[in-house]
Amino acid sequence: QVQLVESGGGLVQAGGSLRLSCAASGLTFSNYAMGWFRRAPGKEREFVAAITYSGRATSYTDSVKGRFTISRDNAKNTVYLQMNSLKPEDTAVYFCAASALRLGVPLSRREYDYWGQGTQVTVSS
């Protein structure tokens, strides 16, 4: 049974930082691209960042470029999202996801096979 468990969310002031983690089990982690998505109140779930199975390529949505960094540790079966210079508009539930895509960086929700339950990030102004 595949499980993706996010942690590291919380309440932070604008300008602050948080580091999200997603621990994976039940799959061969190094064979999967990993992504982070978020869903803000009243909005659709949107792509935030993704990293290929090898870790050699990453992609970010424009609004987080230069502030967020996705990384992975295949030895620990964990993907991370370092979030700096947080803004109130970053407030959302953040989800990690795993994709079996082997070519390119998966950007669409439809390209992901497994999802975590999410962790709340709240940025106060």
C-alpha atoms as a PDB file:
ATOM      1  CA  GLN A   1       0.000   0.000   0.000  1.00  0.00           C
ATOM      2  CA  VAL A   2       1.465   3.304  -1.077  1.00  0.00           C
ATOM      3  CA  GLN A   3       1.542   6.057   1.533  1.00  0.00           C
ATOM      4  CA  LEU A   4       2.680   9.638   1.206  1.00  0.00           C
ATOM      5  CA  VAL A   5       2.767  11.513   4.499  1.00  0.00           C
ATOM      6  CA  GLU A   6       3.370  15.251   4.574  1.00  0.00           C
ATOM      7  CA  SER A   7       4.693  17.145   7.578  1.00  0.00           C
ATOM      8  CA  GLY A   8       6.151  20.524   8.443  1.00  0.00           C
ATOM      9  CA  GLY A   9       3.164  22.768   7.887  1.00  0.00           C
ATOM     10  CA  GLY A  10       2.088  25.390  10.367  1.00  0.00           C
ATOM     11  CA  LEU A  11       1.505  29.059  11.034  1.00  0.00           C
ATOM     12  CA  VAL A  12       4.214  31.541  10.080  1.00  0.00           C
ATOM     13  CA  GLN A  13       4.444  35.293   9.637  1.00  0.00           C
ATOM     14  CA  ALA A  14       4.905  36.841   6.228  1.00  0.00           C
ATOM     15  CA  GLY A  15       8.568  36.764   5.254  1.00  0.00           C
ATOM     16  CA  GLY A  16       9.191  33.625   7.250  1.00  0.00           C
ATOM     17  CA  SER A  17      10.175  30.127   6.166  1.00  0.00           C
ATOM     18  CA  LEU A  18       8.884  26.600   6.433  1.00  0.00           C
ATOM     19  CA  ARG A  19      10.221  23.274   5.230  1.00  0.00           C
ATOM     20  CA  LEU A  20       7.702  20.662   4.181  1.00  0.00           C
ATOM     21  CA  SER A  21       8.607  16.988   4.081  1.00  0.00           C
ATOM     22  CA  CYS A  22       6.851  14.087   2.393  1.00  0.00           C
ATOM     23  CA  ALA A  23       7.804  10.573   3.427  1.00  0.00           C
ATOM     24  CA  ALA A  24       6.915   7.845   0.943  1.00  0.00           C
ATOM     25  CA  SER A  25       6.419   4.136   1.542  1.00  0.00           C
ATOM     26  CA  GLY A  26       5.050   1.195  -0.402  1.00  0.00           C
ATOM     27  CA  LEU A  27       6.722   2.175  -3.658  1.00  0.00           C
ATOM     28  CA  THR A  28      10.193   2.261  -5.185  1.00  0.00           C
ATOM     29  CA  PHE A  29      10.705   5.929  -4.447  1.00  0.00           C
ATOM     30  CA  SER A  30      13.661   6.432  -6.769  1.00  0.00           C
ATOM     31  CA  ASN A  31      11.480   5.407  -9.734  1.00  0.00           C
ATOM     32  CA  TYR A  32       8.950   8.187  -9.188  1.00  0.00           C
ATOM     33  CA  ALA A  33       8.934  11.859  -9.984  1.00  0.00           C
ATOM     34  CA  MET A  34       7.560  13.851  -7.067  1.00  0.00           C
ATOM     35  CA  GLY A  35       5.507  16.995  -6.945  1.00  0.00           C
ATOM     36  CA  TRP A  36       3.945  19.488  -4.585  1.00  0.00           C
ATOM     37  CA  PHE A  37       0.515  20.984  -5.158  1.00  0.00           C
ATOM     38  CA  ARG A  38      -1.581  23.327  -3.048  1.00  0.00           C
ATOM     39  CA  ARG A  39      -5.215  24.223  -2.617  1.00  0.00           C
ATOM     40  CA  ALA A  40      -6.085  27.636  -1.266  1.00  0.00           C
ATOM     41  CA  PRO A  41      -9.530  28.320   0.228  1.00  0.00           C
ATOM     42  CA  GLY A  42     -12.111  28.529  -2.547  1.00  0.00           C
ATOM     43  CA  LYS A  43      -9.625  27.632  -5.275  1.00  0.00           C
ATOM     44  CA  GLU A  44      -8.661  24.612  -7.322  1.00  0.00           C
ATOM     45  CA  ARG A  45      -5.642  22.512  -6.481  1.00  0.00           C
ATOM     46  CA  GLU A  46      -2.653  23.976  -8.324  1.00  0.00           C
ATOM     47  CA  PHE A  47       0.832  22.861  -9.215  1.00  0.00           C
ATOM     48  CA  VAL A  48       3.647  24.289  -7.098  1.00  0.00           C
ATOM     49  CA  ALA A  49       6.845  22.365  -7.867  1.00  0.00           C
ATOM     50  CA  ALA A  50       8.085  19.026  -9.134  1.00  0.00           C
ATOM     51  CA  ILE A  51      11.305  17.060  -9.399  1.00  0.00           C
ATOM     52  CA  THR A  52      12.204  14.189 -11.688  1.00  0.00           C
ATOM     53  CA  TYR A  53      12.863  10.685 -10.360  1.00  0.00           C
ATOM     54  CA  SER A  54      16.604  11.288 -10.732  1.00  0.00           C
ATOM     55  CA  GLY A  55      16.501  14.711  -9.120  1.00  0.00           C
ATOM     56  CA  ARG A  56      18.271  16.241 -12.101  1.00  0.00           C
ATOM     57  CA  ALA A  57      15.420  18.478 -13.205  1.00  0.00           C
ATOM     58  CA  THR A  58      12.896  20.623 -11.378  1.00  0.00           C
ATOM     59  CA  SER A  59      10.034  22.900 -12.287  1.00  0.00           C
ATOM     60  CA  TYR A  60       8.158  25.615 -10.401  1.00  0.00           C
ATOM     61  CA  THR A  61       5.065  27.663 -10.872  1.00  0.00           C
ATOM     62  CA  ASP A  62       5.940  31.290 -11.564  1.00  0.00           C
ATOM     63  CA  SER A  63       4.600  32.642  -8.279  1.00  0.00           C
ATOM     64  CA  VAL A  64       7.097  30.637  -6.186  1.00  0.00           C
ATOM     65  CA  LYS A  65      10.214  30.816  -8.364  1.00  0.00           C
ATOM     66  CA  GLY A  66      13.159  32.138  -6.395  1.00  0.00           C
ATOM     67  CA  ARG A  67      11.398  31.514  -3.072  1.00  0.00           C
ATOM     68  CA  PHE A  68      10.658  27.778  -2.986  1.00  0.00           C
ATOM     69  CA  THR A  69      13.060  24.881  -3.568  1.00  0.00           C
ATOM     70  CA  ILE A  70      12.106  21.267  -4.117  1.00  0.00           C
ATOM     71  CA  SER A  71      14.608  18.525  -3.365  1.00  0.00           C
ATOM     72  CA  ARG A  72      14.640  14.810  -2.689  1.00  0.00           C
ATOM     73  CA  ASP A  73      16.636  12.267  -0.724  1.00  0.00           C
ATOM     74  CA  ASN A  74      16.190   8.885  -2.347  1.00  0.00           C
ATOM     75  CA  ALA A  75      18.009   7.177   0.529  1.00  0.00           C
ATOM     76  CA  LYS A  76      15.321   8.473   2.916  1.00  0.00           C
ATOM     77  CA  ASN A  77      12.369   8.110   0.515  1.00  0.00           C
ATOM     78  CA  THR A  78      11.575  11.751   1.184  1.00  0.00           C
ATOM     79  CA  VAL A  79      10.869  14.850  -0.868  1.00  0.00           C
ATOM     80  CA  TYR A  80      11.145  18.341   0.570  1.00  0.00           C
ATOM     81  CA  LEU A  81       9.791  21.771  -0.187  1.00  0.00           C
ATOM     82  CA  GLN A  82      11.790  24.614   1.312  1.00  0.00           C
ATOM     83  CA  MET A  83       9.614  27.716   1.363  1.00  0.00           C
ATOM     84  CA  ASN A  84      11.231  31.085   2.007  1.00  0.00           C
ATOM     85  CA  SER A  85       9.914  34.646   1.930  1.00  0.00           C
ATOM     86  CA  LEU A  86       6.416  33.350   2.506  1.00  0.00           C
ATOM     87  CA  LYS A  87       3.465  35.536   1.592  1.00  0.00           C
ATOM     88  CA  PRO A  88      -0.139  35.452   2.791  1.00  0.00           C
ATOM     89  CA  GLU A  89      -1.163  34.246  -0.676  1.00  0.00           C
ATOM     90  CA  ASP A  90       0.886  31.085  -0.068  1.00  0.00           C
ATOM     91  CA  THR A  91      -1.698  30.049   2.528  1.00  0.00           C
ATOM     92  CA  ALA A  92      -3.089  26.687   1.439  1.00  0.00           C
ATOM     93  CA  VAL A  93      -3.172  22.990   2.094  1.00  0.00           C
ATOM     94  CA  TYR A  94      -0.040  21.533   0.518  1.00  0.00           C
ATOM     95  CA  PHE A  95      -0.076  18.046  -0.993  1.00  0.00           C
ATOM     96  CA  CYS A  96       2.742  15.882  -2.204  1.00  0.00           C
ATOM     97  CA  ALA A  97       2.242  13.454  -5.052  1.00  0.00           C
ATOM     98  CA  ALA A  98       4.134  10.712  -6.873  1.00  0.00           C
ATOM     99  CA  SER A  99       4.238  10.212 -10.626  1.00  0.00           C
ATOM    100  CA  ALA A 100       5.507   7.231 -12.594  1.00  0.00           C
ATOM    101  CA  LEU A 101       6.441   9.584 -15.447  1.00  0.00           C
ATOM    102  CA  ARG A 102       9.982   8.863 -16.587  1.00  0.00           C
ATOM    103  CA  LEU A 103      10.368  11.565 -19.232  1.00  0.00           C
ATOM    104  CA  GLY A 104      10.287  15.221 -18.281  1.00  0.00           C
ATOM    105  CA  VAL A 105       8.811  16.864 -15.221  1.00  0.00           C
ATOM    106  CA  PRO A 106       5.139  16.120 -14.532  1.00  0.00           C
ATOM    107  CA  LEU A 107       3.175  19.347 -14.196  1.00  0.00           C
ATOM    108  CA  SER A 108      -0.437  18.221 -14.398  1.00  0.00           C
ATOM    109  CA  ARG A 109      -2.503  16.630 -11.669  1.00  0.00           C
ATOM    110  CA  ARG A 110      -3.470  13.925 -14.159  1.00  0.00           C
ATOM    111  CA  GLU A 111       0.153  12.779 -14.401  1.00  0.00           C
ATOM    112  CA  TYR A 112       0.295  11.817 -10.742  1.00  0.00           C
ATOM    113  CA  ASP A 113      -0.584   8.389  -9.431  1.00  0.00           C
ATOM    114  CA  TYR A 114      -0.504   8.768  -5.651  1.00  0.00           C
ATOM    115  CA  TRP A 115      -1.354  11.615  -3.289  1.00  0.00           C
ATOM    116  CA  GLY A 116      -0.794  12.492   0.334  1.00  0.00           C
ATOM    117  CA  GLN A 117      -3.438  13.848   2.677  1.00  0.00           C
ATOM    118  CA  GLY A 118      -1.994  17.340   2.838  1.00  0.00           C
ATOM    119  CA  THR A 119      -0.543  19.693   5.422  1.00  0.00           C
ATOM    120  CA  GLN A 120      -1.853  23.166   6.227  1.00  0.00           C
ATOM    121  CA  VAL A 121       0.362  26.191   5.705  1.00  0.00           C
ATOM    122  CA  THR A 122      -0.938  29.503   7.010  1.00  0.00           C
ATOM    123  CA  VAL A 123       0.957  32.742   6.440  1.00  0.00           C
ATOM    124  CA  SER A 124      -0.172  35.723   8.486  1.00  0.00           C
ATOM    125  CA  SER A 125       0.330  39.297   7.347  1.00  0.00           C
END
